[in-house]
């Protein structure tokens, strides 16, 4: 049974030092008392810890930004990835249901095989091609099976000021090398951690904390910036923008060579098409998702003020 709302609301945030978790600490702060935990406070490789923490905190809202995200290493650490990404979210969902809280959980476009020509919708069949993708799909399934009030947000190509990501890697390489080779036949939408965090806060504030909880539109939604590009196009835009700001690099946007994914083998297979159809999220919650360039430019402005 849903419990009566406390004042202020109590929000439990896991993975608070990750890319998205770091931004959620900011975006959730105005909504109530945020209990922000990193791995030392709640390690999802030990799912029973999740039961203990939720029962102690008894939050109105649980936002699970913790995850196993080492996509290639997951191929050799399948058990750990499955525990963190598959089993632990199900435990959080069970405990959320028990205390009457909403669970917000993040999943990935890697649940798809990438063979579709158009952006993927929530109703498209999942067919993950990697251990990471399968572990994240297992988490989605466990949450759905729990019967908890849950909002599952699939996203991808995440970039944040805090933490490692593609944009930072490209800039590091461009400082050291005069020529770069970047995959050009994989498509997606670079999405900032700040956008993910802000959309999350807007939704839960309006529709859960200050809305009629029994009418909250739970379920699975796609959340990504508008537009799309390739890794090659992404790299070129990052280099073009920072050099226009006067940043000195050895490699500029014209020095990025497009290559096929087959020329850059990785342990885990990536989907060729990672584009997500976000119309369900936009229509249901009335949120605006800006073009990916806008978010990446803002990110680069923070890295190079």
C-alpha atoms as a PDB file:
ATOM      1  CA  UNK A   1       0.000   0.000   0.000  1.00  0.00           C
ATOM      2  CA  UNK A   2       1.346   3.490  -0.783  1.00  0.00           C
ATOM      3  CA  UNK A   3       2.322   5.274   2.386  1.00  0.00           C
ATOM      4  CA  UNK A   4       1.463   8.836   3.191  1.00  0.00           C
ATOM      5  CA  UNK A   5       3.826  11.437   1.781  1.00  0.00           C
ATOM      6  CA  UNK A   6       6.365  12.825   4.204  1.00  0.00           C
ATOM      7  CA  UNK A   7       7.410  16.467   4.267  1.00  0.00           C
ATOM      8  CA  UNK A   8      10.009  16.951   3.019  1.00  0.00           C
ATOM      9  CA  UNK A   9      10.107  13.981   0.697  1.00  0.00           C
ATOM     10  CA  UNK A  10      12.931  11.490   1.207  1.00  0.00           C
ATOM     11  CA  UNK A  11      14.824  10.495  -1.942  1.00  0.00           C
ATOM     12  CA  UNK A  12      17.306   7.618  -2.077  1.00  0.00           C
ATOM     13  CA  UNK A  13      19.947   7.970  -4.800  1.00  0.00           C
ATOM     14  CA  UNK A  14      22.357   5.148  -5.621  1.00  0.00           C
ATOM     15  CA  UNK A  15      25.506   5.524  -7.694  1.00  0.00           C
ATOM     16  CA  UNK A  16      25.818   9.181  -6.732  1.00  0.00           C
ATOM     17  CA  UNK A  17      29.379   9.491  -8.027  1.00  0.00           C
ATOM     18  CA  UNK A  18      28.723   8.200 -11.525  1.00  0.00           C
ATOM     19  CA  UNK A  19      28.114  10.421 -14.550  1.00  0.00           C
ATOM     20  CA  UNK A  20      24.329  10.501 -14.138  1.00  0.00           C
ATOM     21  CA  UNK A  21      24.363  10.140 -10.365  1.00  0.00           C
ATOM     22  CA  UNK A  22      26.605  13.178  -9.991  1.00  0.00           C
ATOM     23  CA  UNK A  23      24.095  15.328 -11.904  1.00  0.00           C
ATOM     24  CA  UNK A  24      21.145  13.806 -10.051  1.00  0.00           C
ATOM     25  CA  UNK A  25      22.579  15.048  -6.770  1.00  0.00           C
ATOM     26  CA  UNK A  26      22.057  18.543  -8.168  1.00  0.00           C
ATOM     27  CA  UNK A  27      18.707  18.059  -9.928  1.00  0.00           C
ATOM     28  CA  UNK A  28      17.014  16.168  -7.077  1.00  0.00           C
ATOM     29  CA  UNK A  29      18.216  18.457  -4.274  1.00  0.00           C
ATOM     30  CA  UNK A  30      15.286  20.916  -4.503  1.00  0.00           C
ATOM     31  CA  UNK A  31      12.758  18.079  -4.255  1.00  0.00           C
ATOM     32  CA  UNK A  32      13.485  16.891  -0.743  1.00  0.00           C
ATOM     33  CA  UNK A  33      16.047  15.242   1.489  1.00  0.00           C
ATOM     34  CA  UNK A  34      18.410  13.307  -0.771  1.00  0.00           C
ATOM     35  CA  UNK A  35      20.194  10.315   0.727  1.00  0.00           C
ATOM     36  CA  UNK A  36      22.991   9.991  -1.835  1.00  0.00           C
ATOM     37  CA  UNK A  37      25.035   6.800  -1.685  1.00  0.00           C
ATOM     38  CA  UNK A  38      28.097   5.730  -3.618  1.00  0.00           C
ATOM     39  CA  UNK A  39      29.406   2.179  -3.811  1.00  0.00           C
ATOM     40  CA  UNK A  40      30.797   2.378  -0.281  1.00  0.00           C
ATOM     41  CA  UNK A  41      27.288   3.135   1.000  1.00  0.00           C
ATOM     42  CA  UNK A  42      25.425   0.670  -1.191  1.00  0.00           C
ATOM     43  CA  UNK A  43      27.256  -1.886  -3.303  1.00  0.00           C
ATOM     44  CA  UNK A  44      24.814  -3.533  -5.708  1.00  0.00           C
ATOM     45  CA  UNK A  45      27.156  -6.472  -6.145  1.00  0.00           C
ATOM     46  CA  UNK A  46      25.665  -7.441  -2.756  1.00  0.00           C
ATOM     47  CA  UNK A  47      21.900  -7.177  -3.451  1.00  0.00           C
ATOM     48  CA  UNK A  48      20.926  -7.861   0.154  1.00  0.00           C
ATOM     49  CA  UNK A  49      22.516  -4.521   1.032  1.00  0.00           C
ATOM     50  CA  UNK A  50      19.812  -2.905  -1.100  1.00  0.00           C
ATOM     51  CA  UNK A  51      17.096  -4.486   1.044  1.00  0.00           C
ATOM     52  CA  UNK A  52      18.721  -3.242   4.219  1.00  0.00           C
ATOM     53  CA  UNK A  53      19.214   0.326   2.975  1.00  0.00           C
ATOM     54  CA  UNK A  54      15.686   0.750   1.606  1.00  0.00           C
ATOM     55  CA  UNK A  55      14.175  -0.602   4.815  1.00  0.00           C
ATOM     56  CA  UNK A  56      16.307   1.801   6.865  1.00  0.00           C
ATOM     57  CA  UNK A  57      15.677   4.908   4.730  1.00  0.00           C
ATOM     58  CA  UNK A  58      12.054   4.190   3.717  1.00  0.00           C
ATOM     59  CA  UNK A  59      12.208   6.697   0.839  1.00  0.00           C
ATOM     60  CA  UNK A  60       9.374   8.223  -1.156  1.00  0.00           C
ATOM     61  CA  UNK A  61      11.518   7.825  -4.245  1.00  0.00           C
ATOM     62  CA  UNK A  62      14.416   5.546  -5.207  1.00  0.00           C
ATOM     63  CA  UNK A  63      16.596   6.637  -8.124  1.00  0.00           C
ATOM     64  CA  UNK A  64      18.994   3.874  -9.140  1.00  0.00           C
ATOM     65  CA  UNK A  65      21.889   5.425 -11.027  1.00  0.00           C
ATOM     66  CA  UNK A  66      24.286   2.653 -10.013  1.00  0.00           C
ATOM     67  CA  UNK A  67      25.250   0.150 -12.684  1.00  0.00           C
ATOM     68  CA  UNK A  68      28.004  -2.033 -14.055  1.00  0.00           C
ATOM     69  CA  UNK A  69      28.991  -0.040 -17.164  1.00  0.00           C
ATOM     70  CA  UNK A  70      32.294  -1.568 -18.317  1.00  0.00           C
ATOM     71  CA  UNK A  71      30.799  -2.873 -21.569  1.00  0.00           C
ATOM     72  CA  UNK A  72      33.837  -4.778 -22.841  1.00  0.00           C
ATOM     73  CA  UNK A  73      35.010  -6.056 -19.459  1.00  0.00           C
ATOM     74  CA  UNK A  74      31.542  -7.463 -18.847  1.00  0.00           C
ATOM     75  CA  UNK A  75      32.285 -10.143 -21.432  1.00  0.00           C
ATOM     76  CA  UNK A  76      34.706 -11.679 -18.919  1.00  0.00           C
ATOM     77  CA  UNK A  77      32.815 -10.613 -15.770  1.00  0.00           C
ATOM     78  CA  UNK A  78      29.359 -11.829 -16.699  1.00  0.00           C
ATOM     79  CA  UNK A  79      28.385 -12.895 -13.179  1.00  0.00           C
ATOM     80  CA  UNK A  80      29.223  -9.520 -11.674  1.00  0.00           C
ATOM     81  CA  UNK A  81      27.432  -7.624 -14.447  1.00  0.00           C
ATOM     82  CA  UNK A  82      24.366  -9.821 -14.054  1.00  0.00           C
ATOM     83  CA  UNK A  83      24.285  -9.292 -10.283  1.00  0.00           C
ATOM     84  CA  UNK A  84      24.637  -5.493 -10.424  1.00  0.00           C
ATOM     85  CA  UNK A  85      22.525  -4.840 -13.529  1.00  0.00           C
ATOM     86  CA  UNK A  86      20.071  -7.734 -13.404  1.00  0.00           C
ATOM     87  CA  UNK A  87      19.484  -9.025  -9.885  1.00  0.00           C
ATOM     88  CA  UNK A  88      19.986  -5.922  -7.737  1.00  0.00           C
ATOM     89  CA  UNK A  89      17.439  -3.738  -9.603  1.00  0.00           C
ATOM     90  CA  UNK A  90      14.840  -6.435  -9.003  1.00  0.00           C
ATOM     91  CA  UNK A  91      15.623  -6.357  -5.286  1.00  0.00           C
ATOM     92  CA  UNK A  92      15.305  -2.567  -5.230  1.00  0.00           C
ATOM     93  CA  UNK A  93      11.961  -2.881  -6.988  1.00  0.00           C
ATOM     94  CA  UNK A  94      10.673  -5.437  -4.472  1.00  0.00           C
ATOM     95  CA  UNK A  95      11.634  -3.168  -1.598  1.00  0.00           C
ATOM     96  CA  UNK A  96      10.167  -0.119  -3.343  1.00  0.00           C
ATOM     97  CA  UNK A  97       6.857  -1.919  -3.606  1.00  0.00           C
ATOM     98  CA  UNK A  98       7.022  -2.885   0.074  1.00  0.00           C
ATOM     99  CA  UNK A  99       7.474   0.718   1.269  1.00  0.00           C
ATOM    100  CA  UNK A 100       5.237   2.315  -1.379  1.00  0.00           C
ATOM    101  CA  UNK A 101       7.936   4.273  -3.182  1.00  0.00           C
ATOM    102  CA  UNK A 102       8.578   4.900  -6.861  1.00  0.00           C
ATOM    103  CA  UNK A 103      11.684   3.342  -8.414  1.00  0.00           C
ATOM    104  CA  UNK A 104      13.448   5.183 -11.237  1.00  0.00           C
ATOM    105  CA  UNK A 105      15.946   2.985 -13.060  1.00  0.00           C
ATOM    106  CA  UNK A 106      18.169   3.577 -16.093  1.00  0.00           C
ATOM    107  CA  UNK A 107      18.670   1.080 -18.885  1.00  0.00           C
ATOM    108  CA  UNK A 108      20.385   1.146 -22.247  1.00  0.00           C
ATOM    109  CA  UNK A 109      19.976   1.095 -26.018  1.00  0.00           C
ATOM    110  CA  UNK A 110      22.315  -1.913 -25.945  1.00  0.00           C
ATOM    111  CA  UNK A 111      19.270  -4.107 -25.311  1.00  0.00           C
ATOM    112  CA  UNK A 112      18.710  -3.889 -29.104  1.00  0.00           C
ATOM    113  CA  UNK A 113      20.727  -5.617 -31.813  1.00  0.00           C
ATOM    114  CA  UNK A 114      20.936  -2.506 -33.981  1.00  0.00           C
ATOM    115  CA  UNK A 115      19.549  -4.078 -37.130  1.00  0.00           C
ATOM    116  CA  UNK A 116      16.497  -1.806 -37.410  1.00  0.00           C
ATOM    117  CA  UNK A 117      16.783   1.046 -39.913  1.00  0.00           C
ATOM    118  CA  UNK A 118      14.637   3.482 -37.912  1.00  0.00           C
ATOM    119  CA  UNK A 119      14.913   4.602 -34.258  1.00  0.00           C
ATOM    120  CA  UNK A 120      13.813   1.971 -31.755  1.00  0.00           C
ATOM    121  CA  UNK A 121      10.534   2.358 -29.869  1.00  0.00           C
ATOM    122  CA  UNK A 122       9.647   0.820 -26.518  1.00  0.00           C
ATOM    123  CA  UNK A 123       7.530  -1.824 -28.249  1.00  0.00           C
ATOM    124  CA  UNK A 124      10.385  -3.157 -30.403  1.00  0.00           C
ATOM    125  CA  UNK A 125      11.701  -6.563 -29.450  1.00  0.00           C
ATOM    126  CA  UNK A 126      14.935  -6.544 -27.479  1.00  0.00           C
ATOM    127  CA  UNK A 127      17.802  -8.693 -28.725  1.00  0.00           C
ATOM    128  CA  UNK A 128      21.007  -7.740 -26.881  1.00  0.00           C
ATOM    129  CA  UNK A 129      24.286  -8.787 -28.456  1.00  0.00           C
ATOM    130  CA  UNK A 130      26.551  -8.388 -25.414  1.00  0.00           C
ATOM    131  CA  UNK A 131      26.759  -9.505 -21.802  1.00  0.00           C
ATOM    132  CA  UNK A 132      26.216  -5.901 -20.767  1.00  0.00           C
ATOM    133  CA  UNK A 133      23.077  -5.585 -22.880  1.00  0.00           C
ATOM    134  CA  UNK A 134      21.700  -8.880 -21.587  1.00  0.00           C
ATOM    135  CA  UNK A 135      22.365  -7.899 -17.969  1.00  0.00           C
ATOM    136  CA  UNK A 136      20.538  -4.595 -18.412  1.00  0.00           C
ATOM    137  CA  UNK A 137      17.576  -6.338 -20.047  1.00  0.00           C
ATOM    138  CA  UNK A 138      17.483  -8.760 -17.114  1.00  0.00           C
ATOM    139  CA  UNK A 139      17.180  -5.753 -14.799  1.00  0.00           C
ATOM    140  CA  UNK A 140      14.262  -4.392 -16.807  1.00  0.00           C
ATOM    141  CA  UNK A 141      12.536  -7.777 -16.631  1.00  0.00           C
ATOM    142  CA  UNK A 142      13.111  -8.132 -12.889  1.00  0.00           C
ATOM    143  CA  UNK A 143      11.628  -4.710 -12.225  1.00  0.00           C
ATOM    144  CA  UNK A 144       8.586  -5.469 -14.369  1.00  0.00           C
ATOM    145  CA  UNK A 145       8.065  -8.796 -12.575  1.00  0.00           C
ATOM    146  CA  UNK A 146       8.180  -7.150  -9.132  1.00  0.00           C
ATOM    147  CA  UNK A 147       4.921  -5.278  -9.572  1.00  0.00           C
ATOM    148  CA  UNK A 148       6.507  -2.107  -8.181  1.00  0.00           C
ATOM    149  CA  UNK A 149       5.647   1.399  -9.327  1.00  0.00           C
ATOM    150  CA  UNK A 150       8.647   1.952 -11.571  1.00  0.00           C
ATOM    151  CA  UNK A 151       9.909   4.272 -14.276  1.00  0.00           C
ATOM    152  CA  UNK A 152      12.552   2.634 -16.489  1.00  0.00           C
ATOM    153  CA  UNK A 153      14.416   5.066 -18.728  1.00  0.00           C
ATOM    154  CA  UNK A 154      16.510   3.687 -21.572  1.00  0.00           C
ATOM    155  CA  UNK A 155      19.282   5.965 -22.799  1.00  0.00           C
ATOM    156  CA  UNK A 156      22.744   5.786 -24.329  1.00  0.00           C
ATOM    157  CA  UNK A 157      25.908   7.517 -25.496  1.00  0.00           C
ATOM    158  CA  UNK A 158      25.988   9.315 -22.139  1.00  0.00           C
ATOM    159  CA  UNK A 159      28.457  12.155 -21.542  1.00  0.00           C
ATOM    160  CA  UNK A 160      28.958  14.138 -18.375  1.00  0.00           C
ATOM    161  CA  UNK A 161      31.317  16.684 -16.869  1.00  0.00           C
ATOM    162  CA  UNK A 162      32.033  14.173 -14.118  1.00  0.00           C
ATOM    163  CA  UNK A 163      33.411  10.784 -15.146  1.00  0.00           C
ATOM    164  CA  UNK A 164      34.859   9.184 -18.270  1.00  0.00           C
ATOM    165  CA  UNK A 165      33.110   9.339 -21.646  1.00  0.00           C
ATOM    166  CA  UNK A 166      33.684   9.460 -25.407  1.00  0.00           C
ATOM    167  CA  UNK A 167      33.975  13.245 -25.663  1.00  0.00           C
ATOM    168  CA  UNK A 168      36.724  13.363 -23.045  1.00  0.00           C
ATOM    169  CA  UNK A 169      38.519  10.416 -24.649  1.00  0.00           C
ATOM    170  CA  UNK A 170      38.527  12.087 -28.066  1.00  0.00           C
ATOM    171  CA  UNK A 171      39.923  15.300 -26.603  1.00  0.00           C
ATOM    172  CA  UNK A 172      42.658  13.389 -24.790  1.00  0.00           C
ATOM    173  CA  UNK A 173      43.630  11.607 -28.019  1.00  0.00           C
ATOM    174  CA  UNK A 174      43.554  14.847 -30.003  1.00  0.00           C
ATOM    175  CA  UNK A 175      46.043  16.402 -27.598  1.00  0.00           C
ATOM    176  CA  UNK A 176      48.497  13.553 -28.250  1.00  0.00           C
ATOM    177  CA  UNK A 177      47.982  12.557 -31.910  1.00  0.00           C
ATOM    178  CA  UNK A 178      47.775  14.437 -35.208  1.00  0.00           C
ATOM    179  CA  UNK A 179      45.379  11.939 -36.790  1.00  0.00           C
ATOM    180  CA  UNK A 180      42.462   9.978 -35.341  1.00  0.00           C
ATOM    181  CA  UNK A 181      40.439   7.040 -36.672  1.00  0.00           C
ATOM    182  CA  UNK A 182      36.823   6.845 -35.454  1.00  0.00           C
ATOM    183  CA  UNK A 183      33.957   4.465 -36.247  1.00  0.00           C
ATOM    184  CA  UNK A 184      31.474   5.961 -38.703  1.00  0.00           C
ATOM    185  CA  UNK A 185      28.902   3.185 -39.179  1.00  0.00           C
ATOM    186  CA  UNK A 186      27.338   3.171 -35.701  1.00  0.00           C
ATOM    187  CA  UNK A 187      24.583   5.729 -35.044  1.00  0.00           C
ATOM    188  CA  UNK A 188      23.178   7.215 -31.853  1.00  0.00           C
ATOM    189  CA  UNK A 189      22.389  10.420 -29.986  1.00  0.00           C
ATOM    190  CA  UNK A 190      25.019  11.766 -27.587  1.00  0.00           C
ATOM    191  CA  UNK A 191      23.017  12.522 -24.431  1.00  0.00           C
ATOM    192  CA  UNK A 192      24.344  14.484 -21.499  1.00  0.00           C
ATOM    193  CA  UNK A 193      24.059  13.267 -17.939  1.00  0.00           C
ATOM    194  CA  UNK A 194      22.670  16.699 -17.073  1.00  0.00           C
ATOM    195  CA  UNK A 195      19.748  16.248 -19.486  1.00  0.00           C
ATOM    196  CA  UNK A 196      18.963  12.808 -18.075  1.00  0.00           C
ATOM    197  CA  UNK A 197      19.069  14.143 -14.523  1.00  0.00           C
ATOM    198  CA  UNK A 198      16.966  17.214 -15.281  1.00  0.00           C
ATOM    199  CA  UNK A 199      14.274  15.252 -17.112  1.00  0.00           C
ATOM    200  CA  UNK A 200      14.161  12.737 -14.269  1.00  0.00           C
ATOM    201  CA  UNK A 201      13.699  15.483 -11.675  1.00  0.00           C
ATOM    202  CA  UNK A 202      11.027  17.236 -13.715  1.00  0.00           C
ATOM    203  CA  UNK A 203       9.007  14.066 -14.169  1.00  0.00           C
ATOM    204  CA  UNK A 204       9.117  12.846 -10.587  1.00  0.00           C
ATOM    205  CA  UNK A 205       8.430  16.300  -9.139  1.00  0.00           C
ATOM    206  CA  UNK A 206       5.386  16.993 -11.271  1.00  0.00           C
ATOM    207  CA  UNK A 207       3.880  13.542 -11.630  1.00  0.00           C
ATOM    208  CA  UNK A 208       4.915  11.707  -8.423  1.00  0.00           C
ATOM    209  CA  UNK A 209       5.898  13.985  -5.550  1.00  0.00           C
ATOM    210  CA  UNK A 210       3.323  16.668  -6.381  1.00  0.00           C
ATOM    211  CA  UNK A 211       0.838  14.645  -8.406  1.00  0.00           C
ATOM    212  CA  UNK A 212      -1.639  11.847  -7.896  1.00  0.00           C
ATOM    213  CA  UNK A 213       0.600   8.863  -7.356  1.00  0.00           C
ATOM    214  CA  UNK A 214      -2.000   6.270  -8.221  1.00  0.00           C
ATOM    215  CA  UNK A 215      -2.259   7.827 -11.687  1.00  0.00           C
ATOM    216  CA  UNK A 216       1.485   8.045 -12.327  1.00  0.00           C
ATOM    217  CA  UNK A 217       2.233   6.639 -15.816  1.00  0.00           C
ATOM    218  CA  UNK A 218       4.786   4.018 -14.851  1.00  0.00           C
ATOM    219  CA  UNK A 219       6.601   1.821 -17.323  1.00  0.00           C
ATOM    220  CA  UNK A 220       9.348   1.864 -19.914  1.00  0.00           C
ATOM    221  CA  UNK A 221      10.397   5.026 -21.762  1.00  0.00           C
ATOM    222  CA  UNK A 222      13.211   6.094 -24.075  1.00  0.00           C
ATOM    223  CA  UNK A 223      15.197   9.176 -23.072  1.00  0.00           C
ATOM    224  CA  UNK A 224      17.807  10.618 -25.428  1.00  0.00           C
ATOM    225  CA  UNK A 225      18.727  13.940 -26.946  1.00  0.00           C
ATOM    226  CA  UNK A 226      17.133  14.838 -30.282  1.00  0.00           C
ATOM    227  CA  UNK A 227      18.892  14.134 -33.559  1.00  0.00           C
ATOM    228  CA  UNK A 228      21.597  11.582 -34.214  1.00  0.00           C
ATOM    229  CA  UNK A 229      25.137  11.187 -35.485  1.00  0.00           C
ATOM    230  CA  UNK A 230      27.919   8.632 -35.796  1.00  0.00           C
ATOM    231  CA  UNK A 231      30.888   8.319 -33.454  1.00  0.00           C
ATOM    232  CA  UNK A 232      32.873   9.924 -36.272  1.00  0.00           C
ATOM    233  CA  UNK A 233      30.452  12.856 -36.542  1.00  0.00           C
ATOM    234  CA  UNK A 234      30.432  13.192 -32.760  1.00  0.00           C
ATOM    235  CA  UNK A 235      34.233  13.357 -32.635  1.00  0.00           C
ATOM    236  CA  UNK A 236      34.376  15.961 -35.406  1.00  0.00           C
ATOM    237  CA  UNK A 237      31.846  18.191 -33.641  1.00  0.00           C
ATOM    238  CA  UNK A 238      33.699  17.973 -30.316  1.00  0.00           C
ATOM    239  CA  UNK A 239      36.998  18.963 -31.933  1.00  0.00           C
ATOM    240  CA  UNK A 240      35.427  21.689 -34.076  1.00  0.00           C
ATOM    241  CA  UNK A 241      33.715  23.290 -31.084  1.00  0.00           C
ATOM    242  CA  UNK A 242      36.661  23.318 -28.692  1.00  0.00           C
ATOM    243  CA  UNK A 243      39.056  24.608 -31.346  1.00  0.00           C
ATOM    244  CA  UNK A 244      36.623  27.437 -32.101  1.00  0.00           C
ATOM    245  CA  UNK A 245      37.004  28.316 -28.409  1.00  0.00           C
ATOM    246  CA  UNK A 246      40.775  28.579 -28.872  1.00  0.00           C
ATOM    247  CA  UNK A 247      41.772  25.227 -27.356  1.00  0.00           C
ATOM    248  CA  UNK A 248      45.063  23.984 -28.826  1.00  0.00           C
ATOM    249  CA  UNK A 249      45.034  20.394 -30.090  1.00  0.00           C
ATOM    250  CA  UNK A 250      47.300  18.355 -32.359  1.00  0.00           C
ATOM    251  CA  UNK A 251      44.347  16.931 -34.294  1.00  0.00           C
ATOM    252  CA  UNK A 252      41.524  19.067 -35.640  1.00  0.00           C
ATOM    253  CA  UNK A 253      38.138  18.028 -37.052  1.00  0.00           C
ATOM    254  CA  UNK A 254      39.618  17.512 -40.542  1.00  0.00           C
ATOM    255  CA  UNK A 255      42.093  14.982 -39.182  1.00  0.00           C
ATOM    256  CA  UNK A 256      39.440  12.468 -38.084  1.00  0.00           C
ATOM    257  CA  UNK A 257      39.341   9.492 -40.468  1.00  0.00           C
ATOM    258  CA  UNK A 258      36.039   7.579 -40.729  1.00  0.00           C
ATOM    259  CA  UNK A 259      36.422   3.819 -40.345  1.00  0.00           C
ATOM    260  CA  UNK A 260      33.976   0.870 -40.171  1.00  0.00           C
ATOM    261  CA  UNK A 261      33.342  -0.854 -36.851  1.00  0.00           C
ATOM    262  CA  UNK A 262      35.013  -3.939 -38.300  1.00  0.00           C
ATOM    263  CA  UNK A 263      38.305  -2.002 -38.308  1.00  0.00           C
ATOM    264  CA  UNK A 264      38.008  -1.340 -34.564  1.00  0.00           C
ATOM    265  CA  UNK A 265      37.263  -4.708 -32.933  1.00  0.00           C
ATOM    266  CA  UNK A 266      36.002  -4.718 -29.344  1.00  0.00           C
ATOM    267  CA  UNK A 267      35.253  -7.521 -26.899  1.00  0.00           C
ATOM    268  CA  UNK A 268      31.556  -6.605 -26.818  1.00  0.00           C
ATOM    269  CA  UNK A 269      29.503  -6.136 -29.957  1.00  0.00           C
ATOM    270  CA  UNK A 270      27.891  -2.700 -30.292  1.00  0.00           C
ATOM    271  CA  UNK A 271      24.597  -2.119 -32.140  1.00  0.00           C
ATOM    272  CA  UNK A 272      24.987  -0.329 -35.472  1.00  0.00           C
ATOM    273  CA  UNK A 273      21.797   1.605 -34.745  1.00  0.00           C
ATOM    274  CA  UNK A 274      21.442   2.948 -31.198  1.00  0.00           C
ATOM    275  CA  UNK A 275      18.860   5.609 -32.044  1.00  0.00           C
ATOM    276  CA  UNK A 276      15.835   5.752 -29.723  1.00  0.00           C
ATOM    277  CA  UNK A 277      12.324   6.996 -30.495  1.00  0.00           C
ATOM    278  CA  UNK A 278      11.489   9.322 -27.601  1.00  0.00           C
ATOM    279  CA  UNK A 279       7.941  10.273 -28.635  1.00  0.00           C
ATOM    280  CA  UNK A 280       6.320   8.265 -25.834  1.00  0.00           C
ATOM    281  CA  UNK A 281       8.285  10.136 -23.159  1.00  0.00           C
ATOM    282  CA  UNK A 282       7.723  13.530 -24.767  1.00  0.00           C
ATOM    283  CA  UNK A 283       3.998  12.995 -25.273  1.00  0.00           C
ATOM    284  CA  UNK A 284       3.345  11.474 -21.844  1.00  0.00           C
ATOM    285  CA  UNK A 285       5.292  13.908 -19.695  1.00  0.00           C
ATOM    286  CA  UNK A 286       5.422  17.007 -21.892  1.00  0.00           C
ATOM    287  CA  UNK A 287       9.213  17.311 -21.822  1.00  0.00           C
ATOM    288  CA  UNK A 288      11.377  18.918 -24.492  1.00  0.00           C
ATOM    289  CA  UNK A 289      14.525  17.081 -25.553  1.00  0.00           C
ATOM    290  CA  UNK A 290      17.012  19.450 -27.223  1.00  0.00           C
ATOM    291  CA  UNK A 291      19.335  18.506 -30.070  1.00  0.00           C
ATOM    292  CA  UNK A 292      22.407  16.540 -29.029  1.00  0.00           C
ATOM    293  CA  UNK A 293      24.760  19.321 -30.180  1.00  0.00           C
ATOM    294  CA  UNK A 294      23.246  21.750 -27.655  1.00  0.00           C
ATOM    295  CA  UNK A 295      23.962  19.457 -24.741  1.00  0.00           C
ATOM    296  CA  UNK A 296      27.477  18.579 -25.892  1.00  0.00           C
ATOM    297  CA  UNK A 297      28.301  22.248 -26.447  1.00  0.00           C
ATOM    298  CA  UNK A 298      27.165  23.029 -22.899  1.00  0.00           C
ATOM    299  CA  UNK A 299      29.293  20.150 -21.613  1.00  0.00           C
ATOM    300  CA  UNK A 300      32.347  21.434 -23.490  1.00  0.00           C
ATOM    301  CA  UNK A 301      31.712  24.953 -22.202  1.00  0.00           C
ATOM    302  CA  UNK A 302      32.024  23.588 -18.686  1.00  0.00           C
ATOM    303  CA  UNK A 303      35.194  21.663 -19.494  1.00  0.00           C
ATOM    304  CA  UNK A 304      36.725  24.664 -21.259  1.00  0.00           C
ATOM    305  CA  UNK A 305      35.179  27.826 -19.762  1.00  0.00           C
END
